[in-house]
């Protein structure tokens, strides 16, 4: 799935559909960021500054916390992700 595939869901009037779209978008972005971090750690992104890598790692941590929060909301509202 790609971000573009979630656009209609984000515009849905049902908040449950929007929350699922938010979750899908976040997982897509997380996977992409994890891929970049892994490439850097394998030495395959020499143009990436180390300071940027450090920020990416921090961003990844925050995004995982955000993902957990969205998952908790889904559980409370009985939304299947």
N, C-alpha and C. Protein backbone atom coordinates (compact mmCIF):
# COMPACT_ATOMS: atom_id res chain seq x y z
N UNK A 1 0.84 -1.18 0.00
CA UNK A 1 0.00 0.00 0.00
C UNK A 1 0.89 1.25 0.00
N UNK A 2 0.39 2.29 -0.64
CA UNK A 2 1.09 3.57 -0.71
C UNK A 2 0.22 4.64 -0.06
N UNK A 3 0.86 5.76 0.29
CA UNK A 3 0.12 6.86 0.92
C UNK A 3 -1.07 7.30 0.08
N UNK A 4 -0.89 7.33 -1.23
CA UNK A 4 -1.97 7.77 -2.13
C UNK A 4 -3.22 6.90 -1.98
N UNK A 5 -3.02 5.65 -1.58
CA UNK A 5 -4.14 4.72 -1.43
C UNK A 5 -5.00 5.04 -0.21
N UNK A 6 -4.55 5.91 0.65
CA UNK A 6 -5.28 6.23 1.88
C UNK A 6 -6.02 7.57 1.81
N UNK A 7 -5.91 8.27 0.71
CA UNK A 7 -6.49 9.61 0.60
C UNK A 7 -7.99 9.59 0.79
N UNK A 8 -8.69 8.70 0.11
CA UNK A 8 -10.14 8.65 0.24
C UNK A 8 -10.55 8.33 1.67
N UNK A 9 -9.79 7.46 2.32
CA UNK A 9 -10.09 7.11 3.71
C UNK A 9 -9.95 8.32 4.62
N UNK A 10 -8.95 9.16 4.37
CA UNK A 10 -8.73 10.34 5.21
C UNK A 10 -9.87 11.35 5.06
N UNK A 11 -10.57 11.30 3.95
CA UNK A 11 -11.67 12.22 3.71
C UNK A 11 -13.04 11.65 4.08
N UNK A 12 -13.04 10.45 4.62
CA UNK A 12 -14.29 9.79 5.00
C UNK A 12 -14.94 10.52 6.18
N UNK A 13 -16.24 10.48 6.24
CA UNK A 13 -16.94 11.14 7.35
C UNK A 13 -16.89 10.32 8.64
N UNK A 14 -16.56 9.05 8.54
CA UNK A 14 -16.49 8.17 9.71
C UNK A 14 -15.10 8.24 10.34
N UNK A 15 -15.05 8.65 11.59
CA UNK A 15 -13.75 8.81 12.26
C UNK A 15 -13.00 7.48 12.37
N UNK A 16 -13.72 6.38 12.38
CA UNK A 16 -13.07 5.07 12.45
C UNK A 16 -12.28 4.78 11.18
N UNK A 17 -12.84 5.15 10.06
CA UNK A 17 -12.14 4.99 8.78
C UNK A 17 -10.93 5.91 8.73
N UNK A 18 -11.11 7.15 9.21
CA UNK A 18 -9.99 8.10 9.24
C UNK A 18 -8.87 7.62 10.16
N UNK A 19 -9.23 7.03 11.31
CA UNK A 19 -8.21 6.52 12.22
C UNK A 19 -7.44 5.37 11.57
N UNK A 20 -8.15 4.51 10.86
CA UNK A 20 -7.47 3.41 10.16
C UNK A 20 -6.52 3.97 9.10
N UNK A 21 -6.94 5.00 8.39
CA UNK A 21 -6.08 5.63 7.39
C UNK A 21 -4.85 6.24 8.04
N UNK A 22 -5.06 6.89 9.18
CA UNK A 22 -3.95 7.48 9.92
C UNK A 22 -2.94 6.40 10.31
N UNK A 23 -3.46 5.27 10.78
CA UNK A 23 -2.62 4.14 11.15
C UNK A 23 -1.84 3.62 9.94
N UNK A 24 -2.53 3.45 8.83
CA UNK A 24 -1.86 2.94 7.62
C UNK A 24 -0.78 3.91 7.14
N UNK A 25 -1.08 5.20 7.14
CA UNK A 25 -0.09 6.19 6.74
C UNK A 25 1.13 6.16 7.64
N UNK A 26 0.88 6.04 8.91
CA UNK A 26 1.98 6.02 9.86
C UNK A 26 2.85 4.78 9.67
N UNK A 27 2.23 3.63 9.44
CA UNK A 27 3.03 2.41 9.23
C UNK A 27 3.84 2.50 7.94
N UNK A 28 3.28 3.11 6.92
CA UNK A 28 4.01 3.30 5.65
C UNK A 28 5.23 4.19 5.90
N UNK A 29 5.04 5.28 6.61
CA UNK A 29 6.14 6.20 6.89
C UNK A 29 7.19 5.57 7.80
N UNK A 30 6.72 4.80 8.78
CA UNK A 30 7.65 4.11 9.68
C UNK A 30 8.54 3.14 8.91
N UNK A 31 7.94 2.35 8.05
CA UNK A 31 8.70 1.38 7.28
C UNK A 31 9.74 2.07 6.40
N UNK A 32 9.34 3.18 5.81
CA UNK A 32 10.26 3.93 4.96
C UNK A 32 11.44 4.48 5.76
N UNK A 33 11.14 5.04 6.92
CA UNK A 33 12.19 5.59 7.77
C UNK A 33 13.12 4.48 8.28
N UNK A 34 12.53 3.34 8.66
CA UNK A 34 13.34 2.20 9.11
C UNK A 34 14.27 1.73 7.99
N UNK A 35 13.78 1.76 6.76
CA UNK A 35 14.59 1.35 5.61
C UNK A 35 15.79 2.30 5.42
N UNK A 36 15.55 3.59 5.53
CA UNK A 36 16.63 4.57 5.39
C UNK A 36 17.66 4.38 6.50
N UNK A 37 17.20 4.20 7.71
CA UNK A 37 18.11 4.01 8.85
C UNK A 37 18.95 2.75 8.66
N UNK A 38 18.32 1.68 8.22
CA UNK A 38 19.04 0.42 8.00
C UNK A 38 20.10 0.58 6.91
N UNK A 39 19.76 1.29 5.84
CA UNK A 39 20.74 1.52 4.77
C UNK A 39 21.93 2.31 5.29
N UNK A 40 21.66 3.34 6.09
CA UNK A 40 22.74 4.13 6.65
C UNK A 40 23.64 3.26 7.54
N UNK A 41 23.02 2.44 8.37
CA UNK A 41 23.78 1.60 9.29
C UNK A 41 24.62 0.55 8.57
N UNK A 42 24.22 0.20 7.35
CA UNK A 42 25.00 -0.75 6.54
C UNK A 42 26.04 -0.03 5.67
N UNK A 43 26.12 1.29 5.82
CA UNK A 43 27.10 2.07 5.06
C UNK A 43 26.68 2.34 3.63
N UNK A 44 25.40 2.21 3.34
CA UNK A 44 24.91 2.38 1.97
C UNK A 44 24.35 3.76 1.68
N UNK A 45 24.49 4.68 2.64
CA UNK A 45 24.05 6.06 2.44
C UNK A 45 25.15 7.02 2.90
N UNK A 46 26.26 7.02 2.21
CA UNK A 46 27.38 7.86 2.65
C UNK A 46 27.08 9.36 2.61
N UNK A 47 26.08 9.76 1.83
CA UNK A 47 25.77 11.19 1.73
C UNK A 47 24.94 11.69 2.91
N UNK A 48 24.38 10.76 3.70
CA UNK A 48 23.56 11.15 4.84
C UNK A 48 24.46 11.57 6.00
N UNK A 49 24.24 12.78 6.49
CA UNK A 49 25.04 13.26 7.62
C UNK A 49 24.70 12.47 8.88
N UNK A 50 25.69 12.26 9.72
CA UNK A 50 25.48 11.52 10.96
C UNK A 50 24.45 12.23 11.84
N UNK A 51 24.47 13.54 11.85
CA UNK A 51 23.52 14.30 12.66
C UNK A 51 22.08 14.03 12.20
N UNK A 52 21.90 13.89 10.89
CA UNK A 52 20.58 13.57 10.34
C UNK A 52 20.15 12.18 10.76
N UNK A 53 21.08 11.25 10.71
CA UNK A 53 20.81 9.88 11.16
C UNK A 53 20.33 9.88 12.61
N UNK A 54 21.00 10.65 13.47
CA UNK A 54 20.61 10.73 14.88
C UNK A 54 19.19 11.27 15.00
N UNK A 55 18.87 12.29 14.22
CA UNK A 55 17.51 12.84 14.24
C UNK A 55 16.50 11.82 13.72
N UNK A 56 16.87 11.08 12.69
CA UNK A 56 15.98 10.04 12.17
C UNK A 56 15.68 9.00 13.23
N UNK A 57 16.68 8.62 14.00
CA UNK A 57 16.48 7.64 15.07
C UNK A 57 15.52 8.19 16.12
N UNK A 58 15.67 9.46 16.47
CA UNK A 58 14.78 10.10 17.43
C UNK A 58 13.36 10.16 16.86
N UNK A 59 13.25 10.53 15.60
CA UNK A 59 11.95 10.60 14.94
C UNK A 59 11.28 9.22 14.94
N UNK A 60 12.05 8.18 14.68
CA UNK A 60 11.52 6.83 14.66
C UNK A 60 10.93 6.45 16.03
N UNK A 61 11.63 6.81 17.08
CA UNK A 61 11.16 6.53 18.43
C UNK A 61 9.83 7.22 18.71
N UNK A 62 9.73 8.48 18.31
CA UNK A 62 8.50 9.23 18.52
C UNK A 62 7.36 8.65 17.68
N UNK A 63 7.67 8.27 16.46
CA UNK A 63 6.65 7.69 15.59
C UNK A 63 6.14 6.36 16.13
N UNK A 64 7.01 5.57 16.73
CA UNK A 64 6.57 4.31 17.33
C UNK A 64 5.65 4.56 18.51
N UNK A 65 5.95 5.58 19.30
CA UNK A 65 5.07 5.95 20.41
C UNK A 65 3.71 6.39 19.87
N UNK A 66 3.73 7.17 18.82
CA UNK A 66 2.51 7.63 18.17
C UNK A 66 1.71 6.43 17.66
N UNK A 67 2.39 5.48 17.03
CA UNK A 67 1.72 4.27 16.52
C UNK A 67 1.05 3.51 17.67
N UNK A 68 1.75 3.37 18.77
CA UNK A 68 1.17 2.68 19.93
C UNK A 68 -0.08 3.41 20.44
N UNK A 69 -0.05 4.73 20.40
CA UNK A 69 -1.19 5.53 20.84
C UNK A 69 -2.39 5.31 19.91
N UNK A 70 -2.14 5.30 18.63
CA UNK A 70 -3.21 5.06 17.66
C UNK A 70 -3.78 3.65 17.86
N UNK A 71 -2.92 2.67 18.10
CA UNK A 71 -3.38 1.31 18.35
C UNK A 71 -4.23 1.24 19.62
N UNK A 72 -3.83 1.97 20.66
CA UNK A 72 -4.62 2.01 21.89
C UNK A 72 -5.98 2.64 21.65
N UNK A 73 -6.02 3.71 20.88
CA UNK A 73 -7.30 4.35 20.56
C UNK A 73 -8.21 3.38 19.81
N UNK A 74 -7.61 2.64 18.87
CA UNK A 74 -8.39 1.69 18.09
C UNK A 74 -8.99 0.60 18.99
N UNK A 75 -8.22 0.13 19.95
CA UNK A 75 -8.71 -0.89 20.87
C UNK A 75 -9.88 -0.35 21.68
N UNK A 76 -9.73 0.86 22.19
CA UNK A 76 -10.80 1.47 23.01
C UNK A 76 -12.09 1.63 22.22
N UNK A 77 -11.96 2.03 20.95
CA UNK A 77 -13.13 2.27 20.12
C UNK A 77 -13.51 1.06 19.26
N UNK A 78 -12.87 -0.07 19.51
CA UNK A 78 -13.16 -1.32 18.80
C UNK A 78 -13.05 -1.15 17.27
N UNK A 79 -11.92 -0.61 16.87
CA UNK A 79 -11.65 -0.41 15.44
C UNK A 79 -10.59 -1.41 15.01
N UNK A 80 -10.95 -2.19 13.99
CA UNK A 80 -10.01 -3.18 13.48
C UNK A 80 -9.02 -2.50 12.53
N UNK A 81 -7.75 -2.57 12.90
CA UNK A 81 -6.71 -1.97 12.07
C UNK A 81 -6.14 -3.02 11.13
